[in-house]
């Protein structure tokens, strides 16, 4: 959380660093979950209690709870673990529109003195396609493997500044479908997850091995 702490506006933004990947609450018993240090820190920091029936969104300390993770596969896994926790134990944050996902850039594209941040491979390809042929030969790409590769000024301008940032509001249009998806991806039953992977494997464009 070091870079994010340095980048934040301390008047309106608080940072809770998470040490790696939190407990998979889909598989853990309630007593084990409540003993987990990272889960305890989340519950304490957000306020409002824990448990979908007990959680009181009006008592939460923050109007926006924003998940900020790396723009890579590991970051996606961390986001999924956090979303699973919020879905299972703080669902009112979602239904009340208080949960968001930050969108850090994946690339910095530099052409001469001009720099532009792009957030997906598709964005990068679309931007490069707009350049003149001579400019395409001068393109310099910097791929961010993690938030720590950006300095505080870059992280503020691209991801944390309310005037510039892109954040996605987490919604739950279909609670039943969402619950089935979380159970399949994060639960104990392997066959449904295996079928999902086999079905969607041809769609994979970016794979970390």
Protein backbone atom coordinates (compact mmCIF):
# COMPACT_ATOMS: atom_id res chain seq x y z
CA UNK A 1 0.00 0.00 0.00
CA UNK A 2 3.03 2.31 0.11
CA UNK A 3 2.58 4.02 -3.24
CA UNK A 4 -1.18 4.35 -2.76
CA UNK A 5 -0.69 5.85 0.69
CA UNK A 6 1.69 8.42 -0.76
CA UNK A 7 -0.68 9.13 -3.67
CA UNK A 8 -3.92 9.58 -1.74
CA UNK A 9 -5.64 12.76 -0.72
CA UNK A 10 -5.63 12.21 3.08
CA UNK A 11 -8.59 14.57 3.52
CA UNK A 12 -10.96 12.23 1.70
CA UNK A 13 -9.16 8.94 1.03
CA UNK A 14 -8.05 6.16 3.36
CA UNK A 15 -5.95 3.16 2.33
CA UNK A 16 -6.19 -0.31 3.90
CA UNK A 17 -3.24 -2.42 2.65
CA UNK A 18 -4.06 -6.10 2.15
CA UNK A 19 -1.15 -8.53 2.51
CA UNK A 20 -1.44 -10.70 -0.58
CA UNK A 21 -4.53 -12.79 -1.20
CA UNK A 22 -7.17 -12.85 1.51
CA UNK A 23 -8.85 -16.01 2.76
CA UNK A 24 -11.27 -17.67 0.33
CA UNK A 25 -14.42 -17.25 2.45
CA UNK A 26 -16.41 -19.50 0.12
CA UNK A 27 -14.53 -22.50 1.52
CA UNK A 28 -13.77 -21.34 5.07
CA UNK A 29 -15.96 -21.83 8.12
CA UNK A 30 -17.28 -18.68 9.78
CA UNK A 31 -15.12 -19.11 12.88
CA UNK A 32 -11.96 -19.51 10.78
CA UNK A 33 -12.90 -16.48 8.68
CA UNK A 34 -13.40 -14.28 11.73
CA UNK A 35 -9.95 -15.24 13.06
CA UNK A 36 -8.22 -14.19 9.82
CA UNK A 37 -6.19 -11.00 10.31
CA UNK A 38 -6.98 -9.51 6.90
CA UNK A 39 -10.71 -10.20 7.29
CA UNK A 40 -10.67 -8.68 10.77
CA UNK A 41 -8.96 -5.58 9.39
CA UNK A 42 -11.59 -5.22 6.64
CA UNK A 43 -14.48 -5.57 9.09
CA UNK A 44 -12.96 -3.05 11.50
CA UNK A 45 -11.99 -0.52 8.84
CA UNK A 46 -15.33 -0.50 7.03
CA UNK A 47 -17.53 -0.62 10.10
CA UNK A 48 -21.18 -1.59 9.91
CA UNK A 49 -20.69 -5.12 11.21
CA UNK A 50 -20.46 -8.39 9.31
CA UNK A 51 -23.06 -10.76 7.88
CA UNK A 52 -25.65 -9.88 5.28
CA UNK A 53 -28.44 -9.75 7.85
CA UNK A 54 -26.43 -7.84 10.47
CA UNK A 55 -24.41 -5.47 8.28
CA UNK A 56 -25.72 -1.90 8.53
CA UNK A 57 -24.62 0.17 5.55
CA UNK A 58 -25.67 3.37 7.34
CA UNK A 59 -22.98 2.73 9.97
CA UNK A 60 -20.20 2.12 7.43
CA UNK A 61 -17.39 4.65 7.74
CA UNK A 62 -17.04 5.22 4.00
CA UNK A 63 -19.46 6.11 1.22
CA UNK A 64 -17.20 4.46 -1.37
CA UNK A 65 -15.28 1.25 -0.78
CA UNK A 66 -12.92 0.85 -3.76
CA UNK A 67 -10.97 -2.31 -4.52
CA UNK A 68 -7.54 -1.35 -5.87
CA UNK A 69 -5.45 -4.22 -7.24
CA UNK A 70 -2.88 -4.82 -9.96
CA UNK A 71 -4.11 -4.92 -13.57
CA UNK A 72 -2.89 -8.51 -14.08
CA UNK A 73 -4.05 -12.06 -13.40
CA UNK A 74 -2.98 -12.00 -9.74
CA UNK A 75 -4.83 -8.70 -9.29
CA UNK A 76 -7.94 -10.29 -10.81
CA UNK A 77 -7.68 -13.17 -8.33
CA UNK A 78 -7.40 -10.75 -5.40
CA UNK A 79 -10.42 -8.79 -6.66
CA UNK A 80 -12.41 -12.01 -6.95
CA UNK A 81 -11.53 -13.05 -3.39
CA UNK A 82 -12.54 -9.61 -2.08
CA UNK A 83 -15.76 -9.60 -4.09
CA UNK A 84 -16.58 -13.04 -2.71
CA UNK A 85 -16.16 -11.72 0.84
CA UNK A 86 -18.29 -8.62 0.20
CA UNK A 87 -20.97 -10.68 -1.56
CA UNK A 88 -21.20 -13.21 1.26
CA UNK A 89 -20.84 -10.97 4.29
CA UNK A 90 -21.37 -7.31 3.33
CA UNK A 91 -23.87 -7.58 0.47
CA UNK A 92 -25.65 -4.31 1.37
CA UNK A 93 -22.49 -2.50 0.20
CA UNK A 94 -23.27 -3.87 -3.27
CA UNK A 95 -27.03 -3.43 -3.27
CA UNK A 96 -26.67 0.12 -1.94
CA UNK A 97 -24.11 1.04 -4.61
CA UNK A 98 -21.16 1.60 -2.27
CA UNK A 99 -18.68 -0.91 -3.72
CA UNK A 100 -16.39 -0.02 -6.62
CA UNK A 101 -13.40 -1.44 -8.51
CA UNK A 102 -10.52 0.86 -9.45
CA UNK A 103 -9.16 0.63 -12.99
CA UNK A 104 -5.37 1.14 -13.02
CA UNK A 105 -3.76 1.41 -16.46
CA UNK A 106 -2.07 -1.59 -17.99
CA UNK A 107 0.22 0.36 -20.33
CA UNK A 108 1.84 3.72 -20.81
CA UNK A 109 2.16 4.43 -24.53
CA UNK A 110 4.82 6.99 -25.43
CA UNK A 111 5.28 8.50 -28.88
CA UNK A 112 8.03 11.11 -28.79
CA UNK A 113 7.07 13.52 -26.01
CA UNK A 114 3.40 12.45 -25.99
CA UNK A 115 2.30 9.95 -23.35
CA UNK A 116 -1.00 8.18 -22.96
CA UNK A 117 -2.26 5.63 -20.45
CA UNK A 118 -4.40 2.75 -21.71
CA UNK A 119 -6.26 0.21 -19.65
CA UNK A 120 -6.54 -2.92 -21.80
CA UNK A 121 -4.77 -4.58 -24.72
CA UNK A 122 -7.72 -3.61 -26.91
CA UNK A 123 -7.32 0.05 -25.88
CA UNK A 124 -3.62 -0.10 -26.72
CA UNK A 125 -4.25 -1.61 -30.16
CA UNK A 126 -7.02 0.89 -30.91
CA UNK A 127 -4.82 3.85 -29.93
CA UNK A 128 -1.80 2.66 -31.91
CA UNK A 129 -4.06 2.14 -34.94
CA UNK A 130 -4.92 5.86 -34.90
CA UNK A 131 -1.24 6.86 -35.23
CA UNK A 132 0.45 7.70 -38.49
CA UNK A 133 2.73 4.94 -39.85
CA UNK A 134 5.84 6.93 -38.96
CA UNK A 135 4.60 7.38 -35.37
CA UNK A 136 3.89 3.65 -34.96
CA UNK A 137 7.58 2.94 -35.50
CA UNK A 138 8.38 5.26 -32.57
CA UNK A 139 5.94 3.77 -30.08
CA UNK A 140 7.45 2.93 -26.68
CA UNK A 141 5.37 0.71 -24.43
CA UNK A 142 5.65 0.37 -20.67
CA UNK A 143 3.56 -2.47 -19.26
CA UNK A 144 2.77 -2.13 -15.58
CA UNK A 145 3.13 -5.47 -13.82
CA UNK A 146 1.78 -3.93 -10.64
CA UNK A 147 0.74 -0.75 -8.91
CA UNK A 148 4.16 -0.54 -7.30
CA UNK A 149 5.73 0.15 -10.69
CA UNK A 150 3.97 3.52 -10.79
CA UNK A 151 5.20 6.38 -8.66
CA UNK A 152 2.75 8.22 -6.41
CA UNK A 153 2.15 10.99 -8.95
CA UNK A 154 1.32 8.53 -11.74
CA UNK A 155 -0.97 6.46 -9.50
CA UNK A 156 -2.82 9.60 -8.39
CA UNK A 157 -3.29 10.94 -11.90
CA UNK A 158 -4.36 7.66 -13.50
CA UNK A 159 -6.23 5.80 -10.80
CA UNK A 160 -7.00 7.79 -7.65
CA UNK A 161 -7.73 11.37 -8.70
CA UNK A 162 -11.55 11.72 -8.74
CA UNK A 163 -11.24 14.10 -11.69
CA UNK A 164 -9.44 11.56 -13.89
CA UNK A 165 -9.92 8.08 -12.51
CA UNK A 166 -12.09 5.31 -13.91
CA UNK A 167 -13.96 3.28 -11.31
CA UNK A 168 -16.55 0.58 -11.93
CA UNK A 169 -19.54 0.39 -9.62
CA UNK A 170 -20.27 -3.17 -8.53
CA UNK A 171 -23.94 -3.98 -9.13
CA UNK A 172 -26.01 -7.10 -8.60
CA UNK A 173 -28.82 -7.23 -11.13
CA UNK A 174 -29.36 -10.93 -10.55
CA UNK A 175 -28.46 -12.14 -7.05
CA UNK A 176 -29.21 -15.78 -7.85
CA UNK A 177 -26.91 -15.82 -10.89
CA UNK A 178 -24.19 -14.02 -8.91
CA UNK A 179 -24.41 -16.55 -6.10
CA UNK A 180 -24.20 -19.47 -8.53
CA UNK A 181 -21.13 -17.93 -10.18
CA UNK A 182 -19.31 -17.38 -6.87
CA UNK A 183 -20.15 -20.91 -5.74
CA UNK A 184 -18.85 -22.38 -9.00
CA UNK A 185 -15.61 -20.36 -9.11
CA UNK A 186 -14.72 -20.29 -5.42
CA UNK A 187 -16.47 -23.31 -3.86
CA UNK A 188 -15.36 -26.85 -2.98
CA UNK A 189 -16.87 -28.61 -6.00
CA UNK A 190 -14.22 -29.06 -8.70
CA UNK A 191 -16.26 -30.50 -11.64
CA UNK A 192 -18.39 -27.34 -12.28
CA UNK A 193 -15.26 -25.17 -12.21
CA UNK A 194 -13.45 -27.59 -14.54
CA UNK A 195 -16.34 -27.50 -17.01
CA UNK A 196 -16.33 -23.69 -16.92
CA UNK A 197 -12.59 -23.55 -17.64
CA UNK A 198 -12.86 -26.08 -20.47
CA UNK A 199 -15.80 -24.24 -22.01
CA UNK A 200 -14.17 -20.80 -21.94
CA UNK A 201 -10.53 -21.78 -22.53
CA UNK A 202 -10.67 -20.88 -26.27
CA UNK A 203 -11.63 -17.31 -25.30
CA UNK A 204 -8.48 -16.69 -23.26
CA UNK A 205 -6.26 -13.94 -24.75
CA UNK A 206 -3.85 -13.26 -21.87
CA UNK A 207 -2.40 -16.16 -19.93
CA UNK A 208 0.28 -16.04 -17.22
CA UNK A 209 2.19 -19.32 -16.88
